[in-house]
Amino acid sequence: MELSVVVPTLNGRDRLAGTLEALATVVPEAEIVVVNGPSADGTTGMVRDRDDVDVLVEIADRSVTTARNAGIGHTTGDVVALVDHGLAVDESWADAVRTGLSNGDVVTGPTHRPRRAGAATETVEKRTVAGRDVTHFNSGNVAFDRAVLDALDGYDEYLPIGGSRDLAHRLADSEFRVEWAQTMAVERTYGADGGQLQRDWAWKYRSLAYRLSKNYGTRPTVLGRLVGHAGSDALDSLRDVVRRKTGPSEWLSTGRDVLSGAAVGLKDGLSARACDRSIARNPHGASTRSDRAVSVYDWR
């Protein structure tokens, strides 16, 4: 197995350093490709000073989806793994990747999150959508046989969020199998910066509507899932109004964002479905552009 590991990063110099140190310890033979968004924290200099990174790709786009495709395009291994910055791979990670890919085409595992009362660990998430069994993978801890990424043309760059979930739906409609390996674990060693981020409701529903309509068309399941998600979020937001955490005007504004985002996502998803009827179902995939990289430092 010739392993390449892609690590996307954006303004995460210290977290990235921890991730690279863990990879150098656990998989010293792996090809490491760092994709740096337009960071302003000295990430470029830190990476260039290291001797455990094979390729540094600088991009101008802040989208992690674009970063993933850019990194994949500069790998040479027959197995390509994606590990988020701020995650440290466990000692059993490499063996789990090898064993998982002997049984399937994609392997993923949990993230251990430190808590006061002990570590919280993710479990496998599966859904059945329109008769299709979908296994969602951990977006920050996953390894692919290269044939999978070639066949499905990587990630859909229309989506700045939800790209991994879209890929999971496309995998479920293909011959490729996703394996869950509990021992393919990573540990989150750094908390989120800056506290809790403000949710972008318009893009959340635009992404959801896009990937559902692109992959399933106008089936009742699509509309049912959209309505179900919107209803659940509306009730949660209404509870915040009752508790006086937010005001009625903010609740109405959120509703408008949800409706407008879903409408645009449905339209664009159906357009994408019509544009690419192949197994890839990816009109905005890795092969559609070659201008992602602003500069590339290749030390191989």
C-alpha atoms as a PDB file:
ATOM      1  CA  MET A   1       0.000   0.000   0.000  1.00  0.00           C
ATOM      2  CA  GLU A   2       1.425   3.349  -1.063  1.00  0.00           C
ATOM      3  CA  LEU A   3      -0.288   5.864   1.197  1.00  0.00           C
ATOM      4  CA  SER A   4      -0.748   9.572   0.564  1.00  0.00           C
ATOM      5  CA  VAL A   5      -2.270  11.788   3.267  1.00  0.00           C
ATOM      6  CA  VAL A   6      -3.893  15.132   2.425  1.00  0.00           C
ATOM      7  CA  VAL A   7      -4.180  17.663   5.256  1.00  0.00           C
ATOM      8  CA  PRO A   8      -6.269  20.773   4.423  1.00  0.00           C
ATOM      9  CA  THR A   9      -5.638  23.757   6.676  1.00  0.00           C
ATOM     10  CA  LEU A  10      -6.695  27.371   7.087  1.00  0.00           C
ATOM     11  CA  ASN A  11      -5.256  29.597   9.828  1.00  0.00           C
ATOM     12  CA  GLY A  12      -4.421  26.562  11.948  1.00  0.00           C
ATOM     13  CA  ARG A  13      -0.643  26.586  12.234  1.00  0.00           C
ATOM     14  CA  ASP A  14      -0.356  25.132  15.732  1.00  0.00           C
ATOM     15  CA  ARG A  15      -3.069  22.541  15.194  1.00  0.00           C
ATOM     16  CA  LEU A  16      -1.503  21.568  11.871  1.00  0.00           C
ATOM     17  CA  ALA A  17       1.877  21.070  13.555  1.00  0.00           C
ATOM     18  CA  GLY A  18       0.318  18.578  15.994  1.00  0.00           C
ATOM     19  CA  THR A  19      -1.299  16.658  13.159  1.00  0.00           C
ATOM     20  CA  LEU A  20       1.944  16.486  11.166  1.00  0.00           C
ATOM     21  CA  GLU A  21       3.915  15.296  14.186  1.00  0.00           C
ATOM     22  CA  ALA A  22       1.438  12.446  14.768  1.00  0.00           C
ATOM     23  CA  LEU A  23       1.538  11.431  11.097  1.00  0.00           C
ATOM     24  CA  ALA A  24       5.345  11.473  11.078  1.00  0.00           C
ATOM     25  CA  THR A  25       5.340   9.135  14.082  1.00  0.00           C
ATOM     26  CA  VAL A  26       2.611   6.700  12.968  1.00  0.00           C
ATOM     27  CA  VAL A  27       3.093   6.661   9.174  1.00  0.00           C
ATOM     28  CA  PRO A  28       6.625   7.984   8.498  1.00  0.00           C
ATOM     29  CA  GLU A  29       6.639   6.350   5.076  1.00  0.00           C
ATOM     30  CA  ALA A  30       3.474   8.139   3.875  1.00  0.00           C
ATOM     31  CA  GLU A  31       3.458  10.951   1.343  1.00  0.00           C
ATOM     32  CA  ILE A  32       2.168  14.067   3.121  1.00  0.00           C
ATOM     33  CA  VAL A  33       0.423  16.808   1.145  1.00  0.00           C
ATOM     34  CA  VAL A  34      -0.618  19.964   3.001  1.00  0.00           C
ATOM     35  CA  VAL A  35      -3.146  22.263   1.321  1.00  0.00           C
ATOM     36  CA  ASN A  36      -3.047  25.739   2.797  1.00  0.00           C
ATOM     37  CA  GLY A  37      -5.936  28.118   2.249  1.00  0.00           C
ATOM     38  CA  PRO A  38      -5.212  31.847   2.331  1.00  0.00           C
ATOM     39  CA  SER A  39      -3.855  31.631   5.881  1.00  0.00           C
ATOM     40  CA  ALA A  40      -2.521  34.704   7.633  1.00  0.00           C
ATOM     41  CA  ASP A  41      -0.882  33.041  10.634  1.00  0.00           C
ATOM     42  CA  GLY A  42       2.494  31.948   9.278  1.00  0.00           C
ATOM     43  CA  THR A  43       1.384  28.476   8.218  1.00  0.00           C
ATOM     44  CA  THR A  44       3.414  28.620   5.000  1.00  0.00           C
ATOM     45  CA  GLY A  45       6.673  29.380   6.787  1.00  0.00           C
ATOM     46  CA  MET A  46       6.076  26.695   9.413  1.00  0.00           C
ATOM     47  CA  VAL A  47       5.448  24.014   6.779  1.00  0.00           C
ATOM     48  CA  ARG A  48       8.417  25.058   4.644  1.00  0.00           C
ATOM     49  CA  ASP A  49      10.684  24.709   7.683  1.00  0.00           C
ATOM     50  CA  ARG A  50       9.630  21.094   8.279  1.00  0.00           C
ATOM     51  CA  ASP A  51      11.169  17.988   6.709  1.00  0.00           C
ATOM     52  CA  ASP A  52       8.117  15.716   7.073  1.00  0.00           C
ATOM     53  CA  VAL A  53       5.930  17.369   4.399  1.00  0.00           C
ATOM     54  CA  ASP A  54       6.361  16.302   0.774  1.00  0.00           C
ATOM     55  CA  VAL A  55       4.139  18.847  -0.959  1.00  0.00           C
ATOM     56  CA  LEU A  56       2.672  22.181   0.089  1.00  0.00           C
ATOM     57  CA  VAL A  57      -0.157  23.468  -2.100  1.00  0.00           C
ATOM     58  CA  GLU A  58      -1.194  27.088  -1.629  1.00  0.00           C
ATOM     59  CA  ILE A  59      -4.717  27.982  -2.751  1.00  0.00           C
ATOM     60  CA  ALA A  60      -6.723  31.213  -2.728  1.00  0.00           C
ATOM     61  CA  ASP A  61     -10.091  29.547  -2.121  1.00  0.00           C
ATOM     62  CA  ARG A  62     -11.256  29.213   1.504  1.00  0.00           C
ATOM     63  CA  SER A  63     -13.483  26.206   0.709  1.00  0.00           C
ATOM     64  CA  VAL A  64     -12.347  22.936   2.295  1.00  0.00           C
ATOM     65  CA  THR A  65     -13.966  21.097  -0.616  1.00  0.00           C
ATOM     66  CA  THR A  66     -11.661  22.839  -3.063  1.00  0.00           C
ATOM     67  CA  ALA A  67      -8.707  22.184  -0.755  1.00  0.00           C
ATOM     68  CA  ARG A  68      -9.463  18.458  -0.708  1.00  0.00           C
ATOM     69  CA  ASN A  69      -9.594  18.224  -4.485  1.00  0.00           C
ATOM     70  CA  ALA A  70      -6.430  20.309  -4.816  1.00  0.00           C
ATOM     71  CA  GLY A  71      -4.567  18.030  -2.431  1.00  0.00           C
ATOM     72  CA  ILE A  72      -5.808  14.824  -4.033  1.00  0.00           C
ATOM     73  CA  GLY A  73      -4.574  16.112  -7.383  1.00  0.00           C
ATOM     74  CA  HIS A  74      -0.993  16.299  -6.054  1.00  0.00           C
ATOM     75  CA  THR A  75      -0.848  12.820  -4.505  1.00  0.00           C
ATOM     76  CA  THR A  76       0.789   9.766  -6.056  1.00  0.00           C
ATOM     77  CA  GLY A  77      -0.269   6.939  -3.726  1.00  0.00           C
ATOM     78  CA  ASP A  78      -2.761   4.219  -4.610  1.00  0.00           C
ATOM     79  CA  VAL A  79      -4.481   5.016  -1.293  1.00  0.00           C
ATOM     80  CA  VAL A  80      -5.417   8.614  -0.458  1.00  0.00           C
ATOM     81  CA  ALA A  81      -6.364   9.576   3.097  1.00  0.00           C
ATOM     82  CA  LEU A  82      -7.801  12.873   4.319  1.00  0.00           C
ATOM     83  CA  VAL A  83      -7.016  14.027   7.850  1.00  0.00           C
ATOM     84  CA  ASP A  84      -8.152  17.387   9.210  1.00  0.00           C
ATOM     85  CA  HIS A  85      -5.697  19.639  10.985  1.00  0.00           C
ATOM     86  CA  GLY A  86      -6.049  19.470  14.755  1.00  0.00           C
ATOM     87  CA  LEU A  87      -6.478  15.673  14.664  1.00  0.00           C
ATOM     88  CA  ALA A  88      -3.791  13.239  15.785  1.00  0.00           C
ATOM     89  CA  VAL A  89      -3.862   9.717  14.331  1.00  0.00           C
ATOM     90  CA  ASP A  90      -3.665   6.826  16.806  1.00  0.00           C
ATOM     91  CA  GLU A  91      -0.976   4.149  16.667  1.00  0.00           C
ATOM     92  CA  SER A  92      -3.490   1.658  15.243  1.00  0.00           C
ATOM     93  CA  TRP A  93      -4.560   4.033  12.443  1.00  0.00           C
ATOM     94  CA  ALA A  94      -2.329   2.719   9.632  1.00  0.00           C
ATOM     95  CA  ASP A  95      -3.144  -0.949  10.294  1.00  0.00           C
ATOM     96  CA  ALA A  96      -6.842  -0.098  10.378  1.00  0.00           C
ATOM     97  CA  VAL A  97      -6.579   1.658   6.997  1.00  0.00           C
ATOM     98  CA  ARG A  98      -4.814  -1.358   5.499  1.00  0.00           C
ATOM     99  CA  THR A  99      -7.310  -3.863   6.908  1.00  0.00           C
ATOM    100  CA  GLY A 100     -10.352  -1.752   6.022  1.00  0.00           C
ATOM    101  CA  LEU A 101      -9.296  -1.334   2.406  1.00  0.00           C
ATOM    102  CA  SER A 102      -8.745  -5.071   2.088  1.00  0.00           C
ATOM    103  CA  ASN A 103     -12.477  -5.460   2.759  1.00  0.00           C
ATOM    104  CA  GLY A 104     -13.849  -2.352   1.048  1.00  0.00           C
ATOM    105  CA  ASP A 105     -13.005   0.643  -1.103  1.00  0.00           C
ATOM    106  CA  VAL A 106     -13.338   3.408   1.496  1.00  0.00           C
ATOM    107  CA  VAL A 107     -12.533   3.158   5.191  1.00  0.00           C
ATOM    108  CA  THR A 108     -13.314   5.618   7.941  1.00  0.00           C
ATOM    109  CA  GLY A 109     -13.161   5.738  11.706  1.00  0.00           C
ATOM    110  CA  PRO A 110     -14.078   7.750  14.788  1.00  0.00           C
ATOM    111  CA  THR A 111     -12.840  10.975  16.283  1.00  0.00           C
ATOM    112  CA  HIS A 112     -12.189  10.966  20.018  1.00  0.00           C
ATOM    113  CA  ARG A 113     -13.176  14.293  21.566  1.00  0.00           C
ATOM    114  CA  PRO A 114     -11.832  15.056  25.043  1.00  0.00           C
ATOM    115  CA  ARG A 115     -14.479  15.751  27.692  1.00  0.00           C
ATOM    116  CA  ARG A 116     -14.322  16.372  31.426  1.00  0.00           C
ATOM    117  CA  ALA A 117     -15.902  13.011  32.197  1.00  0.00           C
ATOM    118  CA  GLY A 118     -13.987  11.087  29.523  1.00  0.00           C
ATOM    119  CA  ALA A 119     -13.607  10.938  25.761  1.00  0.00           C
ATOM    120  CA  ALA A 120     -16.625  11.066  23.471  1.00  0.00           C
ATOM    121  CA  THR A 121     -16.344   8.862  20.383  1.00  0.00           C
ATOM    122  CA  GLU A 122     -18.260   9.007  17.129  1.00  0.00           C
ATOM    123  CA  THR A 123     -20.045   5.930  15.826  1.00  0.00           C
ATOM    124  CA  VAL A 124     -20.957   4.909  12.303  1.00  0.00           C
ATOM    125  CA  GLU A 125     -23.879   6.849  10.795  1.00  0.00           C
ATOM    126  CA  LYS A 126     -26.119   5.100   8.287  1.00  0.00           C
ATOM    127  CA  ARG A 127     -29.279   6.253   6.517  1.00  0.00           C
ATOM    128  CA  THR A 128     -31.650   4.777   3.946  1.00  0.00           C
ATOM    129  CA  VAL A 129     -32.724   7.371   1.385  1.00  0.00           C
ATOM    130  CA  ALA A 130     -35.088   6.412  -1.440  1.00  0.00           C
ATOM    131  CA  GLY A 131     -34.097   2.768  -1.016  1.00  0.00           C
ATOM    132  CA  ARG A 132     -30.378   3.591  -1.084  1.00  0.00           C
ATOM    133  CA  ASP A 133     -28.292   2.553   1.929  1.00  0.00           C
ATOM    134  CA  VAL A 134     -25.946   5.440   2.704  1.00  0.00           C
ATOM    135  CA  THR A 135     -22.954   5.100   5.035  1.00  0.00           C
ATOM    136  CA  HIS A 136     -21.672   8.531   6.008  1.00  0.00           C
ATOM    137  CA  PHE A 137     -17.960   8.782   6.623  1.00  0.00           C
ATOM    138  CA  ASN A 138     -15.942  10.948   8.987  1.00  0.00           C
ATOM    139  CA  SER A 139     -14.936  13.867   6.762  1.00  0.00           C
ATOM    140  CA  GLY A 140     -11.732  14.483   8.729  1.00  0.00           C
ATOM    141  CA  ASN A 141     -10.628  10.850   8.948  1.00  0.00           C
ATOM    142  CA  VAL A 142     -11.147   8.800   5.807  1.00  0.00           C
ATOM    143  CA  ALA A 143      -9.061   6.827   3.306  1.00  0.00           C
ATOM    144  CA  PHE A 144      -9.981   6.001  -0.291  1.00  0.00           C
ATOM    145  CA  ASP A 145      -8.732   3.569  -2.853  1.00  0.00           C
ATOM    146  CA  ARG A 146      -7.652   5.947  -5.630  1.00  0.00           C
ATOM    147  CA  ALA A 147      -9.997   4.197  -8.063  1.00  0.00           C
ATOM    148  CA  VAL A 148     -12.941   5.571  -6.057  1.00  0.00           C
ATOM    149  CA  LEU A 149     -11.813   9.180  -6.362  1.00  0.00           C
ATOM    150  CA  ASP A 150     -11.074   8.747 -10.065  1.00  0.00           C
ATOM    151  CA  ALA A 151     -14.471   7.192 -10.781  1.00  0.00           C
ATOM    152  CA  LEU A 152     -16.464   9.777  -8.811  1.00  0.00           C
ATOM    153  CA  ASP A 153     -14.225  12.720  -9.778  1.00  0.00           C
ATOM    154  CA  GLY A 154     -13.466  13.680  -6.189  1.00  0.00           C
ATOM    155  CA  TYR A 155     -15.603  16.149  -4.276  1.00  0.00           C
ATOM    156  CA  ASP A 156     -18.309  18.441  -5.672  1.00  0.00           C
ATOM    157  CA  GLU A 157     -16.921  21.968  -5.403  1.00  0.00           C
ATOM    158  CA  TYR A 158     -20.342  23.569  -5.631  1.00  0.00           C
ATOM    159  CA  LEU A 159     -20.575  22.712  -1.935  1.00  0.00           C
ATOM    160  CA  PRO A 160     -18.442  24.694   0.545  1.00  0.00           C
ATOM    161  CA  ILE A 161     -20.168  22.615   3.235  1.00  0.00           C
ATOM    162  CA  GLY A 162     -21.645  19.129   3.008  1.00  0.00           C
ATOM    163  CA  GLY A 163     -19.235  17.868   0.338  1.00  0.00           C
ATOM    164  CA  SER A 164     -18.444  14.676   2.245  1.00  0.00           C
ATOM    165  CA  ARG A 165     -22.117  13.866   2.758  1.00  0.00           C
ATOM    166  CA  ASP A 166     -22.726  14.379  -0.952  1.00  0.00           C
ATOM    167  CA  LEU A 167     -19.888  11.981  -1.741  1.00  0.00           C
ATOM    168  CA  ALA A 168     -21.397   9.418   0.638  1.00  0.00           C
ATOM    169  CA  HIS A 169     -24.681   9.527  -1.312  1.00  0.00           C
ATOM    170  CA  ARG A 170     -22.791   9.034  -4.577  1.00  0.00           C
ATOM    171  CA  LEU A 171     -20.809   6.143  -3.107  1.00  0.00           C
ATOM    172  CA  ALA A 172     -24.077   4.476  -2.085  1.00  0.00           C
ATOM    173  CA  ASP A 173     -25.188   4.542  -5.721  1.00  0.00           C
ATOM    174  CA  SER A 174     -21.986   2.893  -6.924  1.00  0.00           C
ATOM    175  CA  GLU A 175     -20.272  -0.462  -6.603  1.00  0.00           C
ATOM    176  CA  PHE A 176     -17.876   0.910  -3.979  1.00  0.00           C
ATOM    177  CA  ARG A 177     -18.191  -0.091  -0.321  1.00  0.00           C
ATOM    178  CA  VAL A 178     -17.560   1.999   2.784  1.00  0.00           C
ATOM    179  CA  GLU A 179     -16.057   0.207   5.797  1.00  0.00           C
ATOM    180  CA  TRP A 180     -16.136   1.468   9.375  1.00  0.00           C
ATOM    181  CA  ALA A 181     -13.049   0.677  11.477  1.00  0.00           C
ATOM    182  CA  GLN A 182     -13.261   1.549  15.164  1.00  0.00           C
ATOM    183  CA  THR A 183      -9.477   1.308  15.468  1.00  0.00           C
ATOM    184  CA  MET A 184      -8.917   3.842  12.674  1.00  0.00           C
ATOM    185  CA  ALA A 185      -9.174   6.528  15.296  1.00  0.00           C
ATOM    186  CA  VAL A 186      -8.022  10.107  15.541  1.00  0.00           C
ATOM    187  CA  GLU A 187      -8.035  12.330  18.595  1.00  0.00           C
ATOM    188  CA  ARG A 188      -9.042  15.962  18.640  1.00  0.00           C
ATOM    189  CA  THR A 189      -6.266  17.645  20.505  1.00  0.00           C
ATOM    190  CA  TYR A 190      -7.436  21.244  20.092  1.00  0.00           C
ATOM    191  CA  GLY A 191     -10.828  22.804  20.725  1.00  0.00           C
ATOM    192  CA  ALA A 192     -12.567  25.039  18.239  1.00  0.00           C
ATOM    193  CA  ASP A 193     -11.108  28.504  17.937  1.00  0.00           C
ATOM    194  CA  GLY A 194     -13.153  31.528  18.845  1.00  0.00           C
ATOM    195  CA  GLY A 195     -16.067  29.782  20.496  1.00  0.00           C
ATOM    196  CA  GLN A 196     -19.173  28.599  18.691  1.00  0.00           C
ATOM    197  CA  LEU A 197     -19.567  29.708  15.095  1.00  0.00           C
ATOM    198  CA  GLN A 198     -22.725  31.361  13.824  1.00  0.00           C
ATOM    199  CA  ARG A 199     -24.669  28.895  11.688  1.00  0.00           C
ATOM    200  CA  ASP A 200     -25.281  29.879   8.081  1.00  0.00           C
ATOM    201  CA  TRP A 201     -28.857  28.701   7.675  1.00  0.00           C
ATOM    202  CA  ALA A 202     -29.101  29.659   4.018  1.00  0.00           C
ATOM    203  CA  TRP A 203     -26.084  27.532   3.076  1.00  0.00           C
ATOM    204  CA  LYS A 204     -27.088  24.674   5.339  1.00  0.00           C
ATOM    205  CA  TYR A 205     -30.366  24.250   3.455  1.00  0.00           C
ATOM    206  CA  ARG A 206     -28.905  25.144   0.090  1.00  0.00           C
ATOM    207  CA  SER A 207     -26.371  22.340   0.552  1.00  0.00           C
ATOM    208  CA  LEU A 208     -28.982  19.874   1.814  1.00  0.00           C
ATOM    209  CA  ALA A 209     -31.425  20.605  -1.005  1.00  0.00           C
ATOM    210  CA  TYR A 210     -28.675  20.522  -3.623  1.00  0.00           C
ATOM    211  CA  ARG A 211     -27.229  17.155  -2.696  1.00  0.00           C
ATOM    212  CA  LEU A 212     -30.640  15.530  -2.249  1.00  0.00           C
ATOM    213  CA  SER A 213     -32.085  16.791  -5.525  1.00  0.00           C
ATOM    214  CA  LYS A 214     -28.845  16.116  -7.418  1.00  0.00           C
ATOM    215  CA  ASN A 215     -28.683  12.518  -6.215  1.00  0.00           C
ATOM    216  CA  TYR A 216     -32.387  11.613  -6.036  1.00  0.00           C
ATOM    217  CA  GLY A 217     -34.282  14.033  -8.261  1.00  0.00           C
ATOM    218  CA  THR A 218     -37.748  15.224  -7.252  1.00  0.00           C
ATOM    219  CA  ARG A 219     -38.839  12.142  -5.327  1.00  0.00           C
ATOM    220  CA  PRO A 220     -41.209  12.694  -2.397  1.00  0.00           C
ATOM    221  CA  THR A 221     -38.371  11.578  -0.122  1.00  0.00           C
ATOM    222  CA  VAL A 222     -36.412  14.684  -1.050  1.00  0.00           C
ATOM    223  CA  LEU A 223     -39.167  17.111  -0.154  1.00  0.00           C
ATOM    224  CA  GLY A 224     -40.050  15.079   2.921  1.00  0.00           C
ATOM    225  CA  ARG A 225     -36.523  15.247   4.274  1.00  0.00           C
ATOM    226  CA  LEU A 226     -36.275  18.964   3.600  1.00  0.00           C
ATOM    227  CA  VAL A 227     -39.565  19.636   5.368  1.00  0.00           C
ATOM    228  CA  GLY A 228     -38.583  17.367   8.253  1.00  0.00           C
ATOM    229  CA  HIS A 229     -35.239  19.100   8.795  1.00  0.00           C
ATOM    230  CA  ALA A 230     -36.795  22.556   8.465  1.00  0.00           C
ATOM    231  CA  GLY A 231     -39.593  21.710  10.892  1.00  0.00           C
ATOM    232  CA  SER A 232     -37.174  20.387  13.492  1.00  0.00           C
ATOM    233  CA  ASP A 233     -34.910  23.437  13.231  1.00  0.00           C
ATOM    234  CA  ALA A 234     -37.923  25.775  13.316  1.00  0.00           C
ATOM    235  CA  LEU A 235     -39.127  24.234  16.584  1.00  0.00           C
ATOM    236  CA  ASP A 236     -35.660  24.489  18.119  1.00  0.00           C
ATOM    237  CA  SER A 237     -35.431  28.141  17.095  1.00  0.00           C
ATOM    238  CA  LEU A 238     -38.920  28.824  18.427  1.00  0.00           C
ATOM    239  CA  ARG A 239     -37.893  27.396  21.797  1.00  0.00           C
ATOM    240  CA  ASP A 240     -35.021  29.881  21.853  1.00  0.00           C
ATOM    241  CA  VAL A 241     -37.551  32.671  21.257  1.00  0.00           C
ATOM    242  CA  VAL A 242     -39.719  31.430  24.129  1.00  0.00           C
ATOM    243  CA  ARG A 243     -36.634  31.295  26.371  1.00  0.00           C
ATOM    244  CA  ARG A 244     -35.746  34.808  25.198  1.00  0.00           C
ATOM    245  CA  LYS A 245     -32.381  33.693  23.851  1.00  0.00           C
ATOM    246  CA  THR A 246     -33.332  35.198  20.481  1.00  0.00           C
ATOM    247  CA  GLY A 247     -36.048  37.552  19.259  1.00  0.00           C
ATOM    248  CA  PRO A 248     -39.024  36.910  16.944  1.00  0.00           C
ATOM    249  CA  SER A 249     -37.426  38.979  14.181  1.00  0.00           C
ATOM    250  CA  GLU A 250     -34.365  36.707  14.193  1.00  0.00           C
ATOM    251  CA  TRP A 251     -36.627  33.650  14.023  1.00  0.00           C
ATOM    252  CA  LEU A 252     -38.413  35.081  10.977  1.00  0.00           C
ATOM    253  CA  SER A 253     -35.100  35.989   9.371  1.00  0.00           C
ATOM    254  CA  THR A 254     -33.881  32.432   9.862  1.00  0.00           C
ATOM    255  CA  GLY A 255     -37.049  31.133   8.215  1.00  0.00           C
ATOM    256  CA  ARG A 256     -36.441  33.310   5.171  1.00  0.00           C
ATOM    257  CA  ASP A 257     -32.857  32.052   4.949  1.00  0.00           C
ATOM    258  CA  VAL A 258     -34.033  28.448   5.122  1.00  0.00           C
ATOM    259  CA  LEU A 259     -36.648  28.905   2.389  1.00  0.00           C
ATOM    260  CA  SER A 260     -34.391  30.855   0.043  1.00  0.00           C
ATOM    261  CA  GLY A 261     -31.470  28.474   0.561  1.00  0.00           C
ATOM    262  CA  ALA A 262     -33.615  25.405  -0.067  1.00  0.00           C
ATOM    263  CA  ALA A 263     -35.133  26.924  -3.213  1.00  0.00           C
ATOM    264  CA  VAL A 264     -31.735  27.749  -4.720  1.00  0.00           C
ATOM    265  CA  GLY A 265     -30.346  24.352  -3.731  1.00  0.00           C
ATOM    266  CA  LEU A 266     -33.241  22.490  -5.342  1.00  0.00           C
ATOM    267  CA  LYS A 267     -32.870  24.428  -8.577  1.00  0.00           C
ATOM    268  CA  ASP A 268     -29.099  24.011  -8.758  1.00  0.00           C
ATOM    269  CA  GLY A 269     -29.251  20.365  -7.719  1.00  0.00           C
ATOM    270  CA  LEU A 270     -31.706  19.468 -10.479  1.00  0.00           C
ATOM    271  CA  SER A 271     -29.550  21.363 -12.966  1.00  0.00           C
ATOM    272  CA  ALA A 272     -26.466  19.435 -11.803  1.00  0.00           C
ATOM    273  CA  ARG A 273     -28.395  16.156 -12.085  1.00  0.00           C
ATOM    274  CA  ALA A 274     -29.270  16.976 -15.678  1.00  0.00           C
ATOM    275  CA  CYS A 275     -25.690  18.027 -16.502  1.00  0.00           C
ATOM    276  CA  ASP A 276     -24.060  14.819 -15.287  1.00  0.00           C
ATOM    277  CA  ARG A 277     -26.026  11.586 -15.499  1.00  0.00           C
ATOM    278  CA  SER A 278     -22.930   9.400 -15.107  1.00  0.00           C
ATOM    279  CA  ILE A 279     -22.016   7.404 -12.008  1.00  0.00           C
ATOM    280  CA  ALA A 280     -19.919  10.353 -10.838  1.00  0.00           C
ATOM    281  CA  ARG A 281     -22.929  12.702 -10.635  1.00  0.00           C
ATOM    282  CA  ASN A 282     -20.388  15.482 -10.214  1.00  0.00           C
ATOM    283  CA  PRO A 283     -20.470  18.383 -12.692  1.00  0.00           C
ATOM    284  CA  HIS A 284     -18.252  20.454 -10.388  1.00  0.00           C
ATOM    285  CA  GLY A 285     -15.648  17.782  -9.717  1.00  0.00           C
ATOM    286  CA  ALA A 286     -11.876  17.637  -9.559  1.00  0.00           C
ATOM    287  CA  SER A 287     -11.446  17.368 -13.328  1.00  0.00           C
ATOM    288  CA  THR A 288     -13.391  20.539 -14.138  1.00  0.00           C
ATOM    289  CA  ARG A 289     -10.611  23.006 -13.310  1.00  0.00           C
ATOM    290  CA  SER A 290      -6.833  23.189 -13.037  1.00  0.00           C
ATOM    291  CA  ASP A 291      -6.383  26.648 -11.486  1.00  0.00           C
ATOM    292  CA  ARG A 292      -6.833  25.821  -7.797  1.00  0.00           C
ATOM    293  CA  ALA A 293      -3.188  26.156  -6.819  1.00  0.00           C
ATOM    294  CA  VAL A 294      -1.612  29.590  -6.477  1.00  0.00           C
ATOM    295  CA  SER A 295       1.778  28.006  -5.823  1.00  0.00           C
ATOM    296  CA  VAL A 296       3.137  24.521  -5.171  1.00  0.00           C
ATOM    297  CA  TYR A 297       6.236  23.539  -3.182  1.00  0.00           C
ATOM    298  CA  ASP A 298       7.190  19.987  -4.127  1.00  0.00           C
ATOM    299  CA  TRP A 299      10.095  18.446  -2.156  1.00  0.00           C
ATOM    300  CA  ARG A 300       9.726  14.882  -3.438  1.00  0.00           C
END
